[in-house]
C-alpha cells in the first residue's frame, strides 16, 4: 500500500472519532512514545556495554523477509 492511500485511510478513520476516542488515542500514542524511548535507552546501554547480542539466524531471517517483500 502506498503512502497516499495510507494517509487517506488515516484521515477518514480519524475524522470519524469522537472527542473521547481522540483523547484515548492521544494518551496511547504518548505512552507508546515513552515506551519506545525507554526501549531505545536500554538497547543503547546494552550496546555500549557490549552485552547486546543478536543471533545470526534472526538477522538472516529478517534479511530474507525483507528481500521477499521487494
N, C-alpha and C. Protein backbone atom coordinates (compact mmCIF):
# COMPACT_ATOMS: atom_id res chain seq x y z
N UNK A 1 0.85 -1.17 0.00
CA UNK A 1 0.00 0.00 0.00
C UNK A 1 0.90 1.24 0.00
N UNK A 2 0.59 2.19 -0.84
CA UNK A 2 1.43 3.37 -0.91
C UNK A 2 1.07 4.41 0.16
N UNK A 3 1.94 5.36 0.30
CA UNK A 3 1.81 6.38 1.35
C UNK A 3 0.53 7.21 1.21
N UNK A 4 0.15 7.55 -0.01
CA UNK A 4 -1.04 8.36 -0.22
C UNK A 4 -2.30 7.62 0.23
N UNK A 5 -2.36 6.32 -0.08
CA UNK A 5 -3.53 5.54 0.34
C UNK A 5 -3.61 5.45 1.86
N UNK A 6 -2.46 5.23 2.48
CA UNK A 6 -2.42 5.14 3.94
C UNK A 6 -2.88 6.45 4.57
N UNK A 7 -2.38 7.57 4.04
CA UNK A 7 -2.76 8.88 4.56
C UNK A 7 -4.27 9.11 4.42
N UNK A 8 -4.82 8.75 3.28
CA UNK A 8 -6.25 8.92 3.05
C UNK A 8 -7.07 8.09 4.03
N UNK A 9 -6.68 6.85 4.22
CA UNK A 9 -7.40 5.96 5.15
C UNK A 9 -7.33 6.52 6.56
N UNK A 10 -6.15 6.95 6.98
CA UNK A 10 -5.99 7.52 8.33
C UNK A 10 -6.87 8.76 8.52
N UNK A 11 -6.87 9.63 7.53
CA UNK A 11 -7.70 10.84 7.62
C UNK A 11 -9.17 10.48 7.77
N UNK A 12 -9.62 9.49 7.00
CA UNK A 12 -11.02 9.07 7.07
C UNK A 12 -11.35 8.50 8.46
N UNK A 13 -10.47 7.64 8.96
CA UNK A 13 -10.71 6.99 10.26
C UNK A 13 -10.66 8.01 11.39
N UNK A 14 -9.68 8.91 11.35
CA UNK A 14 -9.55 9.89 12.43
C UNK A 14 -10.71 10.88 12.44
N UNK A 15 -11.23 11.21 11.29
CA UNK A 15 -12.32 12.17 11.24
C UNK A 15 -13.61 11.59 11.84
N UNK A 16 -13.68 10.27 11.92
CA UNK A 16 -14.89 9.65 12.47
C UNK A 16 -14.82 9.44 13.99
N UNK A 17 -13.68 9.75 14.60
CA UNK A 17 -13.53 9.56 16.04
C UNK A 17 -14.18 10.70 16.81
N UNK A 18 -14.78 10.37 17.95
CA UNK A 18 -15.31 11.43 18.80
C UNK A 18 -14.21 11.90 19.75
N UNK A 19 -14.51 12.90 20.55
CA UNK A 19 -13.50 13.50 21.43
C UNK A 19 -12.91 12.50 22.41
N UNK A 20 -13.75 11.66 22.97
CA UNK A 20 -13.28 10.66 23.94
C UNK A 20 -12.29 9.69 23.27
N UNK A 21 -12.61 9.26 22.07
CA UNK A 21 -11.73 8.34 21.35
C UNK A 21 -10.41 9.03 20.97
N UNK A 22 -10.50 10.30 20.60
CA UNK A 22 -9.29 11.05 20.26
C UNK A 22 -8.37 11.19 21.48
N UNK A 23 -8.95 11.45 22.65
CA UNK A 23 -8.15 11.56 23.87
C UNK A 23 -7.49 10.23 24.21
N UNK A 24 -8.25 9.17 24.03
CA UNK A 24 -7.72 7.83 24.29
C UNK A 24 -6.55 7.53 23.34
N UNK A 25 -6.71 7.88 22.07
CA UNK A 25 -5.66 7.66 21.09
C UNK A 25 -4.42 8.49 21.43
N UNK A 26 -4.63 9.75 21.80
CA UNK A 26 -3.52 10.63 22.15
C UNK A 26 -2.75 10.07 23.35
N UNK A 27 -3.48 9.60 24.36
CA UNK A 27 -2.85 9.02 25.54
C UNK A 27 -2.03 7.79 25.16
N UNK A 28 -2.61 6.93 24.33
CA UNK A 28 -1.91 5.73 23.88
C UNK A 28 -0.62 6.09 23.15
N UNK A 29 -0.69 7.07 22.24
CA UNK A 29 0.48 7.47 21.47
C UNK A 29 1.57 8.05 22.37
N UNK A 30 1.18 8.82 23.39
CA UNK A 30 2.15 9.37 24.33
C UNK A 30 2.84 8.25 25.11
N UNK A 31 2.04 7.29 25.59
CA UNK A 31 2.62 6.17 26.35
C UNK A 31 3.55 5.35 25.46
N UNK A 32 3.16 5.16 24.22
CA UNK A 32 3.98 4.40 23.27
C UNK A 32 5.30 5.12 23.03
N UNK A 33 5.25 6.44 22.93
CA UNK A 33 6.45 7.24 22.72
C UNK A 33 7.42 7.07 23.89
N UNK A 34 6.90 7.12 25.09
CA UNK A 34 7.73 6.95 26.29
C UNK A 34 8.31 5.54 26.31
N UNK A 35 7.48 4.57 26.00
CA UNK A 35 7.90 3.17 25.99
C UNK A 35 9.03 2.95 24.98
N UNK A 36 8.88 3.52 23.80
CA UNK A 36 9.92 3.37 22.77
C UNK A 36 11.22 4.04 23.21
N UNK A 37 11.12 5.20 23.80
CA UNK A 37 12.34 5.88 24.27
C UNK A 37 13.07 5.05 25.30
N UNK A 38 12.31 4.45 26.22
CA UNK A 38 12.92 3.61 27.24
C UNK A 38 13.59 2.38 26.61
N UNK A 39 12.93 1.79 25.65
CA UNK A 39 13.49 0.62 24.96
C UNK A 39 14.79 1.00 24.25
N UNK A 40 14.79 2.14 23.58
CA UNK A 40 15.98 2.61 22.87
C UNK A 40 17.10 2.88 23.87
N UNK A 41 16.76 3.49 25.01
CA UNK A 41 17.77 3.77 26.02
C UNK A 41 18.41 2.47 26.52
N UNK A 42 17.57 1.46 26.79
CA UNK A 42 18.09 0.16 27.27
C UNK A 42 18.97 -0.50 26.21
N UNK A 43 18.53 -0.44 24.95
CA UNK A 43 19.33 -1.04 23.88
C UNK A 43 20.68 -0.35 23.72
N UNK A 44 20.68 0.98 23.77
CA UNK A 44 21.94 1.73 23.68
C UNK A 44 22.89 1.34 24.81
N UNK A 45 22.33 1.20 25.99
CA UNK A 45 23.13 0.83 27.16
C UNK A 45 23.77 -0.55 26.95
N UNK A 46 22.97 -1.50 26.49
CA UNK A 46 23.49 -2.85 26.24
C UNK A 46 24.56 -2.84 25.15
N UNK A 47 24.34 -2.07 24.11
CA UNK A 47 25.33 -1.99 23.01
C UNK A 47 26.63 -1.40 23.53
N UNK A 48 26.54 -0.31 24.30
CA UNK A 48 27.74 0.33 24.85
C UNK A 48 28.53 -0.62 25.74
N UNK A 49 27.83 -1.46 26.48
CA UNK A 49 28.49 -2.42 27.37
C UNK A 49 28.99 -3.65 26.62
N UNK A 50 28.60 -3.78 25.37
CA UNK A 50 28.98 -4.96 24.59
C UNK A 50 28.17 -6.19 24.97
N UNK A 51 27.00 -5.96 25.56
CA UNK A 51 26.16 -7.06 26.03
C UNK A 51 24.96 -7.34 25.13
N UNK A 52 24.85 -6.62 24.03
CA UNK A 52 23.72 -6.82 23.13
C UNK A 52 24.12 -7.80 22.05
N UNK A 53 23.49 -8.95 22.05
CA UNK A 53 23.83 -9.99 21.09
C UNK A 53 22.59 -10.37 20.29
N UNK A 54 22.76 -10.39 18.98
CA UNK A 54 21.67 -10.79 18.10
C UNK A 54 22.08 -12.11 17.45
N UNK A 55 21.24 -13.13 17.60
CA UNK A 55 21.58 -14.40 16.96
C UNK A 55 21.66 -14.23 15.44
N UNK A 56 22.72 -14.73 14.81
CA UNK A 56 22.87 -14.59 13.35
C UNK A 56 21.68 -15.15 12.58
N UNK A 57 21.04 -16.18 13.13
CA UNK A 57 19.89 -16.78 12.46
C UNK A 57 18.76 -15.76 12.32
N UNK A 58 18.55 -14.97 13.37
CA UNK A 58 17.49 -13.95 13.34
C UNK A 58 17.79 -12.88 12.30
N UNK A 59 19.07 -12.49 12.21
CA UNK A 59 19.47 -11.48 11.22
C UNK A 59 19.19 -12.02 9.82
N UNK A 60 19.59 -13.26 9.57
CA UNK A 60 19.37 -13.87 8.26
C UNK A 60 17.88 -13.96 7.94
N UNK A 61 17.06 -14.36 8.92
CA UNK A 61 15.61 -14.44 8.70
C UNK A 61 15.04 -13.10 8.29
N UNK A 62 15.43 -12.04 9.01
CA UNK A 62 14.89 -10.71 8.72
C UNK A 62 15.34 -10.21 7.35
N UNK A 63 16.57 -10.50 6.98
CA UNK A 63 17.06 -10.10 5.65
C UNK A 63 16.24 -10.79 4.57
N UNK A 64 16.01 -12.09 4.74
CA UNK A 64 15.22 -12.83 3.76
C UNK A 64 13.78 -12.31 3.69
N UNK A 65 13.17 -12.02 4.83
CA UNK A 65 11.82 -11.46 4.85
C UNK A 65 11.76 -10.15 4.08
N UNK A 66 12.78 -9.31 4.31
CA UNK A 66 12.85 -8.02 3.64
C UNK A 66 12.97 -8.20 2.13
N UNK A 67 13.83 -9.10 1.71
CA UNK A 67 14.05 -9.31 0.28
C UNK A 67 12.82 -9.90 -0.39
N UNK A 68 12.07 -10.73 0.31
CA UNK A 68 10.86 -11.32 -0.27
C UNK A 68 9.79 -10.26 -0.52
N UNK A 69 9.77 -9.21 0.30
CA UNK A 69 8.77 -8.15 0.15
C UNK A 69 9.07 -7.25 -1.02
N UNK A 70 10.28 -7.21 -1.46
CA UNK A 70 10.69 -6.30 -2.56
C UNK A 70 10.34 -6.85 -3.91
